[in-house]
Amino acid sequence: MIESLSKRIGVEFAEISLLQQAVTHRSYLNENRDYKLDHNERLEFLGDAVLELIVTEHLYNNYDNPEGELTAWRSALVNGEMLAVIAKGLGVEDFLMMSKGESKDTGRARQYLLANAMEAIIGAIYIDQGYESAKRFVLDNVVVKLKEILENKLYLDAKSYFQEKAQENEKVTPSYRVIKEWGPDHDRHFVIGVYLGEKLVAEGEGTSKQEAQREAAKKGLEVKGWL
């Protein structure tokens, strides 16, 4: 029942169908022609803008850092990877309405659906409850991650930062090699190692080579003590 999700996210909707629509993927409508609601793409479009405004306003009002730094922090807060993690933590995944095909995919596609649903939920809160309620939700669930982002320097592009530090400290450019890969084309998984010369520094796993490389670089920064 969608009311359970409403309780989980701490928002009492006047029009609960907005929350139901927020978790409805386009693919579900293709298999359920008599479904009364629309899919979540328009809500996602709105929620994306509301989210960005709230985060931007918070950063502007609370930090005097240069624009470039604030932009990097905002990006780390509102990117799909972070939104998917937040959505999962709120239990949104249990309420996603999607096709049978989509429900089998637990890789990158699922992460994308969760991030989009999170934006759509913010759009639904904004329409139903107004800006202040949407702002409370975003501050409590998204902006709260800023401390972790700053402490772990998650706003940095890990690959670029690792390369910069490797060249500065060891006068070598890192390289990346696939150690292992598995899974069907729509749900591939990769383990990639980051090397300095022939020495393996760290490994990262992801559902794309780029994601696995980023994870390897992040772990490499920790291993080398370069954070």
Protein backbone atom coordinates (compact mmCIF):
# COMPACT_ATOMS: atom_id res chain seq x y z
CA MET A 1 0.00 0.00 0.00
CA ILE A 2 1.32 3.40 -1.04
CA GLU A 3 0.28 4.82 2.36
CA SER A 4 3.16 2.81 3.87
CA LEU A 5 5.63 4.70 1.69
CA SER A 6 4.00 7.97 2.72
CA LYS A 7 4.69 7.04 6.37
CA ARG A 8 8.25 5.95 5.62
CA ILE A 9 9.12 9.27 3.99
CA GLY A 10 7.30 11.24 6.67
CA VAL A 11 4.92 13.14 4.40
CA GLU A 12 1.14 13.00 4.73
CA PHE A 13 -0.27 13.59 1.26
CA ALA A 14 -3.58 15.32 0.63
CA GLU A 15 -3.62 13.61 -2.79
CA ILE A 16 -1.95 10.21 -2.27
CA SER A 17 -2.27 9.35 -5.97
CA LEU A 18 0.59 11.83 -6.62
CA LEU A 19 2.93 9.62 -4.60
CA GLN A 20 1.63 6.54 -6.43
CA GLN A 21 2.34 8.24 -9.76
CA ALA A 22 5.83 9.19 -8.55
CA VAL A 23 6.81 5.52 -8.28
CA THR A 24 5.18 4.45 -11.56
CA HIS A 25 7.60 3.77 -14.40
CA ARG A 26 6.51 4.14 -18.01
CA SER A 27 7.02 0.39 -18.62
CA TYR A 28 4.29 -0.50 -16.09
CA LEU A 29 1.66 1.31 -18.19
CA ASN A 30 2.59 -0.76 -21.25
CA GLU A 31 1.63 -3.97 -19.41
CA ASN A 32 -1.32 -2.54 -17.45
CA ARG A 33 -3.54 -0.65 -19.89
CA ASP A 34 -6.31 -0.08 -17.36
CA TYR A 35 -3.98 1.63 -14.84
CA LYS A 36 -5.61 4.94 -13.96
CA LEU A 37 -2.51 7.07 -13.39
CA ASP A 38 0.20 8.49 -15.64
CA HIS A 39 3.90 7.52 -15.36
CA ASN A 40 6.33 9.60 -13.30
CA GLU A 41 8.34 11.44 -15.97
CA ARG A 42 6.61 14.82 -15.64
CA LEU A 43 6.89 14.70 -11.84
CA GLU A 44 10.55 13.77 -12.22
CA PHE A 45 11.10 16.79 -14.50
CA LEU A 46 9.60 19.08 -11.85
CA GLY A 47 11.29 17.39 -8.90
CA ASP A 48 14.71 17.66 -10.52
CA ALA A 49 14.35 21.46 -10.67
CA VAL A 50 12.93 21.73 -7.13
CA LEU A 51 15.75 19.55 -5.74
CA GLU A 52 18.44 21.59 -7.46
CA LEU A 53 16.97 24.88 -6.23
CA ILE A 54 16.73 23.71 -2.60
CA VAL A 55 20.27 22.33 -2.57
CA THR A 56 21.65 25.43 -4.32
CA GLU A 57 19.85 27.75 -1.90
CA HIS A 58 21.19 25.81 1.11
CA LEU A 59 24.77 25.87 -0.15
CA TYR A 60 24.58 29.57 -1.07
CA ASN A 61 23.17 30.55 2.33
CA ASN A 62 25.51 28.41 4.43
CA TYR A 63 28.90 28.41 2.68
CA ASP A 64 31.16 31.17 1.34
CA ASN A 65 33.15 28.84 -0.93
CA PRO A 66 33.78 29.73 -4.58
CA GLU A 67 31.17 28.83 -7.19
CA GLY A 68 33.25 25.96 -8.61
CA GLU A 69 33.43 24.18 -5.25
CA LEU A 70 29.73 24.68 -4.51
CA THR A 71 28.88 23.30 -7.95
CA ALA A 72 30.96 20.17 -7.26
CA TRP A 73 29.28 19.70 -3.86
CA ARG A 74 25.82 20.13 -5.38
CA SER A 75 26.63 17.64 -8.12
CA ALA A 76 27.74 15.07 -5.52
CA LEU A 77 24.45 15.55 -3.64
CA VAL A 78 22.02 15.36 -6.57
CA ASN A 79 23.67 12.84 -8.90
CA GLY A 80 21.84 9.62 -9.77
CA GLU A 81 24.13 7.41 -7.72
CA MET A 82 23.48 9.37 -4.51
CA LEU A 83 19.72 9.69 -5.14
CA ALA A 84 19.46 5.94 -5.76
CA VAL A 85 21.21 5.21 -2.44
CA ILE A 86 18.86 7.62 -0.60
CA ALA A 87 15.78 6.14 -2.32
CA LYS A 88 16.90 2.64 -1.38
CA GLY A 89 17.40 3.71 2.24
CA LEU A 90 13.85 5.06 2.33
CA GLY A 91 12.49 1.76 0.97
CA VAL A 92 11.25 3.28 -2.31
CA GLU A 93 12.37 0.17 -4.19
CA ASP A 94 9.60 -1.88 -2.54
CA PHE A 95 6.96 0.36 -4.12
CA LEU A 96 8.27 0.78 -7.69
CA MET A 97 5.64 0.01 -10.32
CA MET A 98 7.45 -1.36 -13.38
CA SER A 99 7.18 -4.00 -16.05
CA LYS A 100 8.15 -7.62 -15.41
CA GLY A 101 11.22 -7.09 -17.58
CA GLU A 102 12.35 -4.02 -15.62
CA SER A 103 11.78 -5.79 -12.30
CA LYS A 104 14.33 -8.47 -13.24
CA ASP A 105 17.07 -5.90 -13.80
CA THR A 106 18.87 -5.06 -10.57
CA GLY A 107 21.89 -3.32 -12.08
CA ARG A 108 22.39 0.15 -13.52
CA ALA A 109 18.82 0.30 -14.84
CA ARG A 110 17.39 -0.18 -11.34
CA GLN A 111 19.65 2.53 -9.96
CA TYR A 112 18.39 4.85 -12.70
CA LEU A 113 14.74 4.03 -11.87
CA LEU A 114 15.31 4.71 -8.17
CA ALA A 115 17.01 8.06 -8.81
CA ASN A 116 14.18 9.11 -11.14
CA ALA A 117 11.55 8.01 -8.60
CA MET A 118 13.31 10.05 -5.91
CA GLU A 119 13.10 13.18 -8.08
CA ALA A 120 9.46 12.40 -8.89
CA ILE A 121 8.64 12.03 -5.17
CA ILE A 122 10.14 15.49 -4.55
CA GLY A 123 7.98 16.83 -7.40
CA ALA A 124 4.90 15.16 -5.89
CA ILE A 125 5.61 16.65 -2.44
CA TYR A 126 6.06 20.09 -4.01
CA ILE A 127 2.71 19.91 -5.83
CA ASP A 128 0.82 18.44 -2.88
CA GLN A 129 2.41 20.27 0.06
CA GLY A 130 4.30 23.25 -1.35
CA TYR A 131 7.89 24.44 -1.34
CA GLU A 132 8.53 24.41 2.43
CA SER A 133 7.48 20.77 2.79
CA ALA A 134 9.61 19.78 -0.21
CA LYS A 135 12.48 21.73 1.32
CA ARG A 136 12.16 19.89 4.67
CA PHE A 137 12.18 16.55 2.86
CA VAL A 138 15.27 17.44 0.79
CA LEU A 139 17.16 18.85 3.80
CA ASP A 140 16.36 15.79 5.93
CA ASN A 141 17.13 13.18 3.27
CA VAL A 142 19.53 14.66 0.71
CA VAL A 143 21.40 17.65 2.16
CA VAL A 144 22.09 15.59 5.30
CA LYS A 145 24.57 13.62 3.15
CA LEU A 146 26.78 16.70 2.68
CA LYS A 147 28.85 16.01 5.82
CA GLU A 148 29.77 12.55 4.51
CA ILE A 149 30.53 13.99 1.05
CA LEU A 150 32.86 16.64 2.46
CA GLU A 151 34.58 14.32 4.96
CA ASN A 152 35.28 11.68 2.30
CA LYS A 153 35.89 14.19 -0.52
CA LEU A 154 33.21 12.46 -2.59
CA TYR A 155 32.76 15.67 -4.57
CA LEU A 156 36.13 15.11 -6.22
CA ASP A 157 36.40 13.28 -9.51
CA ALA A 158 38.24 10.29 -8.02
CA LYS A 159 40.02 9.26 -11.23
CA SER A 160 41.38 12.75 -11.93
CA TYR A 161 42.38 13.23 -8.30
CA PHE A 162 44.13 9.83 -8.13
CA GLN A 163 46.02 10.60 -11.34
CA GLU A 164 47.06 14.02 -10.03
CA LYS A 165 48.32 12.53 -6.75
CA ALA A 166 50.08 9.60 -8.46
CA GLN A 167 51.96 11.94 -10.78
CA GLU A 168 52.76 14.32 -7.93
CA ASN A 169 53.92 11.66 -5.43
CA GLU A 170 55.20 8.78 -7.55
CA LYS A 171 55.82 10.38 -10.97
CA VAL A 172 53.68 7.75 -12.69
CA THR A 173 50.34 7.79 -14.51
CA PRO A 174 47.88 5.15 -13.24
CA SER A 175 46.37 2.56 -15.56
CA TYR A 176 43.16 0.52 -15.26
CA ARG A 177 42.67 -3.13 -16.20
CA VAL A 178 39.62 -5.37 -16.14
CA ILE A 179 40.22 -8.17 -13.64
CA LYS A 180 36.85 -9.88 -13.95
CA GLU A 181 33.51 -9.38 -15.71
CA TRP A 182 30.26 -11.33 -15.71
CA GLY A 183 26.51 -11.13 -16.32
CA PRO A 184 24.25 -10.64 -19.36
CA ASP A 185 24.60 -7.55 -21.59
CA HIS A 186 21.82 -5.66 -19.79
CA ASP A 187 23.30 -6.36 -16.35
CA ARG A 188 27.09 -6.57 -16.69
CA HIS A 189 29.38 -6.38 -13.66
CA PHE A 190 33.05 -5.47 -13.72
CA VAL A 191 35.95 -5.67 -11.31
CA ILE A 192 38.70 -3.31 -12.39
CA GLY A 193 42.12 -2.78 -10.86
CA VAL A 194 44.02 0.49 -10.71
CA TYR A 195 47.77 0.03 -11.18
CA LEU A 196 50.84 2.17 -10.65
CA GLY A 197 53.30 0.64 -13.04
CA GLU A 198 52.77 -3.11 -12.61
CA LYS A 199 51.64 -2.84 -8.97
CA LEU A 200 47.96 -3.34 -8.23
CA VAL A 201 46.89 -0.61 -5.78
CA ALA A 202 43.15 -1.30 -5.40
CA GLU A 203 40.12 -2.89 -7.04
CA GLY A 204 36.67 -1.46 -7.73
CA GLU A 205 33.41 -3.08 -8.74
CA GLY A 206 30.57 -1.59 -10.77
CA THR A 207 27.89 -2.17 -13.38
CA SER A 208 29.94 -0.29 -15.98
CA LYS A 209 33.67 -0.03 -16.60
CA GLN A 210 33.54 3.69 -15.75
CA GLU A 211 31.83 3.03 -12.41
CA ALA A 212 34.30 0.26 -11.53
CA GLN A 213 37.22 2.53 -12.42
CA ARG A 214 35.83 5.31 -10.21
CA GLU A 215 35.44 2.87 -7.32
CA ALA A 216 39.00 1.57 -7.85
CA ALA A 217 40.32 5.15 -7.84
CA LYS A 218 38.40 5.98 -4.63
CA LYS A 219 39.82 2.90 -2.91
CA GLY A 220 43.26 3.67 -4.31
CA LEU A 221 43.16 7.13 -2.69
CA GLU A 222 42.36 5.49 0.65
CA VAL A 223 45.05 2.81 0.29
CA LYS A 224 47.72 5.38 -0.55
CA GLY A 225 46.52 7.83 2.13
CA TRP A 226 46.05 10.57 -0.45
CA LEU A 227 42.64 11.81 0.73
